[in-house]
C-alpha atoms as a PDB file:
ATOM      1  CA  UNK A   1       0.000   0.000   0.000  1.00  0.00           C
ATOM      2  CA  UNK A   2       1.350   3.397  -1.029  1.00  0.00           C
ATOM      3  CA  UNK A   3       1.371   5.737   1.996  1.00  0.00           C
ATOM      4  CA  UNK A   4       2.126   8.889  -0.015  1.00  0.00           C
ATOM      5  CA  UNK A   5      -1.519   9.782  -0.820  1.00  0.00           C
ATOM      6  CA  UNK A   6      -2.594   9.073   2.771  1.00  0.00           C
ATOM      7  CA  UNK A   7       0.277  11.142   4.155  1.00  0.00           C
ATOM      8  CA  UNK A   8      -0.531  13.991   1.756  1.00  0.00           C
ATOM      9  CA  UNK A   9      -4.156  13.982   2.920  1.00  0.00           C
ATOM     10  CA  UNK A  10      -3.017  14.034   6.553  1.00  0.00           C
ATOM     11  CA  UNK A  11      -0.722  16.992   5.907  1.00  0.00           C
ATOM     12  CA  UNK A  12      -3.564  18.786   4.130  1.00  0.00           C
ATOM     13  CA  UNK A  13      -5.983  18.006   6.976  1.00  0.00           C
ATOM     14  CA  UNK A  14      -3.587  19.160   9.708  1.00  0.00           C
ATOM     15  CA  UNK A  15      -2.522  22.373   7.937  1.00  0.00           C
ATOM     16  CA  UNK A  16      -6.138  23.166   7.062  1.00  0.00           C
ATOM     17  CA  UNK A  17      -7.118  22.638  10.698  1.00  0.00           C
ATOM     18  CA  UNK A  18      -4.330  24.911  11.931  1.00  0.00           C
ATOM     19  CA  UNK A  19      -5.276  27.596   9.407  1.00  0.00           C
ATOM     20  CA  UNK A  20      -8.982  27.336  10.261  1.00  0.00           C
ATOM     21  CA  UNK A  21      -8.436  27.414  14.017  1.00  0.00           C
ATOM     22  CA  UNK A  22      -6.134  30.431  13.656  1.00  0.00           C
ATOM     23  CA  UNK A  23      -8.614  32.376  11.559  1.00  0.00           C
ATOM     24  CA  UNK A  24     -11.572  31.455  13.779  1.00  0.00           C
ATOM     25  CA  UNK A  25      -9.836  32.319  17.048  1.00  0.00           C
ATOM     26  CA  UNK A  26      -8.132  35.491  15.788  1.00  0.00           C
ATOM     27  CA  UNK A  27     -10.859  36.997  13.631  1.00  0.00           C
ATOM     28  CA  UNK A  28     -14.070  35.660  15.155  1.00  0.00           C
ATOM     29  CA  UNK A  29     -13.732  34.568  18.799  1.00  0.00           C
ATOM     30  CA  UNK A  30     -11.307  37.215  20.121  1.00  0.00           C
ATOM     31  CA  UNK A  31     -13.104  40.191  18.503  1.00  0.00           C
ATOM     32  CA  UNK A  32     -16.487  38.947  19.736  1.00  0.00           C
ATOM     33  CA  UNK A  33     -15.123  38.542  23.262  1.00  0.00           C
ATOM     34  CA  UNK A  34     -13.646  42.037  23.321  1.00  0.00           C
ATOM     35  CA  UNK A  35     -16.759  43.596  21.800  1.00  0.00           C
ATOM     36  CA  UNK A  36     -19.153  41.763  24.117  1.00  0.00           C
ATOM     37  CA  UNK A  37     -17.335  41.586  27.436  1.00  0.00           C
ATOM     38  CA  UNK A  38     -15.038  44.574  27.424  1.00  0.00           C
ATOM     39  CA  UNK A  39     -11.266  44.789  27.535  1.00  0.00           C
ATOM     40  CA  UNK A  40     -10.561  43.507  31.045  1.00  0.00           C
ATOM     41  CA  UNK A  41     -12.914  40.534  31.126  1.00  0.00           C
ATOM     42  CA  UNK A  42     -12.191  39.474  27.541  1.00  0.00           C
ATOM     43  CA  UNK A  43      -8.468  39.825  28.220  1.00  0.00           C
ATOM     44  CA  UNK A  44      -8.740  37.360  31.091  1.00  0.00           C
ATOM     45  CA  UNK A  45     -10.518  34.805  28.911  1.00  0.00           C
ATOM     46  CA  UNK A  46      -8.083  35.227  26.021  1.00  0.00           C
ATOM     47  CA  UNK A  47      -5.146  34.969  28.441  1.00  0.00           C
ATOM     48  CA  UNK A  48      -6.497  31.619  29.653  1.00  0.00           C
ATOM     49  CA  UNK A  49      -7.110  30.266  26.133  1.00  0.00           C
ATOM     50  CA  UNK A  50      -3.942  31.439  24.376  1.00  0.00           C
ATOM     51  CA  UNK A  51      -1.687  28.672  25.734  1.00  0.00           C
ATOM     52  CA  UNK A  52      -4.183  26.078  24.508  1.00  0.00           C
ATOM     53  CA  UNK A  53      -4.456  27.815  21.139  1.00  0.00           C
ATOM     54  CA  UNK A  54      -0.671  28.014  20.657  1.00  0.00           C
ATOM     55  CA  UNK A  55      -0.183  24.426  21.843  1.00  0.00           C
ATOM     56  CA  UNK A  56      -2.919  23.140  19.521  1.00  0.00           C
ATOM     57  CA  UNK A  57      -1.437  24.946  16.514  1.00  0.00           C
ATOM     58  CA  UNK A  58       2.036  23.772  17.471  1.00  0.00           C
ATOM     59  CA  UNK A  59       0.841  20.164  17.792  1.00  0.00           C
ATOM     60  CA  UNK A  60      -1.070  20.165  14.513  1.00  0.00           C
ATOM     61  CA  UNK A  61       1.876  21.620  12.621  1.00  0.00           C
ATOM     62  CA  UNK A  62       4.204  19.080  14.283  1.00  0.00           C
ATOM     63  CA  UNK A  63       1.894  16.278  13.139  1.00  0.00           C
ATOM     64  CA  UNK A  64       1.941  17.815   9.655  1.00  0.00           C
ATOM     65  CA  UNK A  65       5.724  17.801   9.682  1.00  0.00           C
ATOM     66  CA  UNK A  66       5.813  14.149  10.707  1.00  0.00           C
ATOM     67  CA  UNK A  67       3.383  13.240   7.936  1.00  0.00           C
ATOM     68  CA  UNK A  68       5.209  15.326   5.347  1.00  0.00           C
ATOM     69  CA  UNK A  69       8.198  12.993   5.507  1.00  0.00           C
ATOM     70  CA  UNK A  70       5.994  10.158   4.197  1.00  0.00           C
ATOM     71  CA  UNK A  71       4.312  12.356   1.586  1.00  0.00           C
ATOM     72  CA  UNK A  72       5.763  13.424  -1.716  1.00  0.00           C
ATOM     73  CA  UNK A  73       5.111  17.135  -1.271  1.00  0.00           C
ATOM     74  CA  UNK A  74       8.394  18.935  -1.661  1.00  0.00           C
ATOM     75  CA  UNK A  75      10.981  20.695   0.432  1.00  0.00           C
ATOM     76  CA  UNK A  76       9.131  24.030   0.554  1.00  0.00           C
ATOM     77  CA  UNK A  77       6.431  22.514   2.744  1.00  0.00           C
ATOM     78  CA  UNK A  78       9.024  21.243   5.209  1.00  0.00           C
ATOM     79  CA  UNK A  79      10.422  24.778   5.495  1.00  0.00           C
ATOM     80  CA  UNK A  80       6.951  26.265   5.986  1.00  0.00           C
ATOM     81  CA  UNK A  81       6.150  23.776   8.746  1.00  0.00           C
ATOM     82  CA  UNK A  82       9.478  24.261  10.509  1.00  0.00           C
ATOM     83  CA  UNK A  83       8.811  27.998  10.487  1.00  0.00           C
ATOM     84  CA  UNK A  84       5.243  27.675  11.816  1.00  0.00           C
ATOM     85  CA  UNK A  85       6.366  25.266  14.523  1.00  0.00           C
ATOM     86  CA  UNK A  86       9.131  27.654  15.528  1.00  0.00           C
ATOM     87  CA  UNK A  87       6.823  30.684  15.630  1.00  0.00           C
ATOM     88  CA  UNK A  88       4.208  28.845  17.693  1.00  0.00           C
ATOM     89  CA  UNK A  89       6.834  27.481  20.080  1.00  0.00           C
ATOM     90  CA  UNK A  90       8.328  30.955  20.580  1.00  0.00           C
ATOM     91  CA  UNK A  91       4.851  32.322  21.309  1.00  0.00           C
ATOM     92  CA  UNK A  92       3.942  29.503  23.690  1.00  0.00           C
ATOM     93  CA  UNK A  93       7.198  29.207  25.616  1.00  0.00           C
ATOM     94  CA  UNK A  94       8.771  32.684  25.405  1.00  0.00           C
ATOM     95  CA  UNK A  95       6.449  35.514  24.368  1.00  0.00           C
ATOM     96  CA  UNK A  96       3.297  34.454  26.223  1.00  0.00           C
ATOM     97  CA  UNK A  97       4.919  33.870  29.646  1.00  0.00           C
ATOM     98  CA  UNK A  98       6.946  37.073  29.308  1.00  0.00           C
ATOM     99  CA  UNK A  99       3.919  39.104  28.235  1.00  0.00           C
ATOM    100  CA  UNK A 100       1.897  37.854  31.223  1.00  0.00           C
ATOM    101  CA  UNK A 101       4.625  39.150  33.517  1.00  0.00           C
ATOM    102  CA  UNK A 102       4.987  42.443  31.624  1.00  0.00           C
ATOM    103  CA  UNK A 103       1.217  43.013  31.710  1.00  0.00           C
ATOM    104  CA  UNK A 104       1.451  43.298  35.501  1.00  0.00           C
ATOM    105  CA  UNK A 105       4.729  45.197  35.762  1.00  0.00           C
ATOM    106  CA  UNK A 106       5.381  47.090  32.502  1.00  0.00           C
ATOM    107  CA  UNK A 107       2.309  47.678  30.338  1.00  0.00           C
ATOM    108  CA  UNK A 108       4.313  49.319  27.521  1.00  0.00           C
ATOM    109  CA  UNK A 109       6.539  46.242  27.428  1.00  0.00           C
ATOM    110  CA  UNK A 110       3.410  44.092  27.287  1.00  0.00           C
ATOM    111  CA  UNK A 111       2.069  46.083  24.322  1.00  0.00           C
ATOM    112  CA  UNK A 112       5.362  45.595  22.470  1.00  0.00           C
ATOM    113  CA  UNK A 113       5.275  41.827  23.059  1.00  0.00           C
ATOM    114  CA  UNK A 114       1.600  41.762  22.095  1.00  0.00           C
ATOM    115  CA  UNK A 115       2.428  43.340  18.716  1.00  0.00           C
ATOM    116  CA  UNK A 116       5.154  40.759  18.155  1.00  0.00           C
ATOM    117  CA  UNK A 117       2.751  37.968  19.073  1.00  0.00           C
ATOM    118  CA  UNK A 118       0.078  39.317  16.711  1.00  0.00           C
ATOM    119  CA  UNK A 119       2.640  39.496  13.915  1.00  0.00           C
ATOM    120  CA  UNK A 120       3.752  35.910  14.574  1.00  0.00           C
ATOM    121  CA  UNK A 121       0.144  34.757  14.714  1.00  0.00           C
ATOM    122  CA  UNK A 122      -0.716  36.364  11.359  1.00  0.00           C
ATOM    123  CA  UNK A 123       2.465  34.870   9.897  1.00  0.00           C
ATOM    124  CA  UNK A 124       1.467  31.379  11.104  1.00  0.00           C
ATOM    125  CA  UNK A 125      -2.015  31.788   9.638  1.00  0.00           C
ATOM    126  CA  UNK A 126      -0.624  32.953   6.283  1.00  0.00           C
ATOM    127  CA  UNK A 127       2.035  30.248   6.223  1.00  0.00           C
ATOM    128  CA  UNK A 128      -0.587  27.580   6.885  1.00  0.00           C
ATOM    129  CA  UNK A 129      -2.766  29.047   4.136  1.00  0.00           C
ATOM    130  CA  UNK A 130       0.258  28.886   1.830  1.00  0.00           C
ATOM    131  CA  UNK A 131       0.780  25.237   2.789  1.00  0.00           C
ATOM    132  CA  UNK A 132      -2.889  24.418   2.114  1.00  0.00           C
ATOM    133  CA  UNK A 133      -2.838  26.147  -1.269  1.00  0.00           C
ATOM    134  CA  UNK A 134       0.474  24.519  -2.146  1.00  0.00           C
ATOM    135  CA  UNK A 135      -0.949  21.078  -1.374  1.00  0.00           C
ATOM    136  CA  UNK A 136      -4.102  21.730  -3.369  1.00  0.00           C
ATOM    137  CA  UNK A 137      -2.342  23.167  -6.422  1.00  0.00           C
ATOM    138  CA  UNK A 138       1.050  21.451  -6.195  1.00  0.00           C
ATOM    139  CA  UNK A 139       2.807  21.088  -9.538  1.00  0.00           C
ATOM    140  CA  UNK A 140       3.338  17.308  -9.358  1.00  0.00           C
END
């Protein structure tokens, strides 16, 4: 049995899931929370869910990377996944813990880290979209 088509479908499923979760959380859930509950209350909820969000995206992209080695999808996808894994890991293990501390002690420092985190998050979403489109329209 040829595992390449199965592996390709797994990579597509995992990258699509990561992309979809990122878009839904970032552009639907978070704005609704902040619009409905206000800055302080919504911030508390988002602060509690961000580690789960980053860990989920990190895990899905790691599973994609594992599957990509069995799929015939090209080196570019490996680079995309390594980059998304790195960005999510930096957010989960470095930026998020540091920003929680800065939020209490240095709000300007928190805002700076928040901008970096938003930039990383948008990059992960766009990279996963690129991976999905690459898998759908790949040249081979």
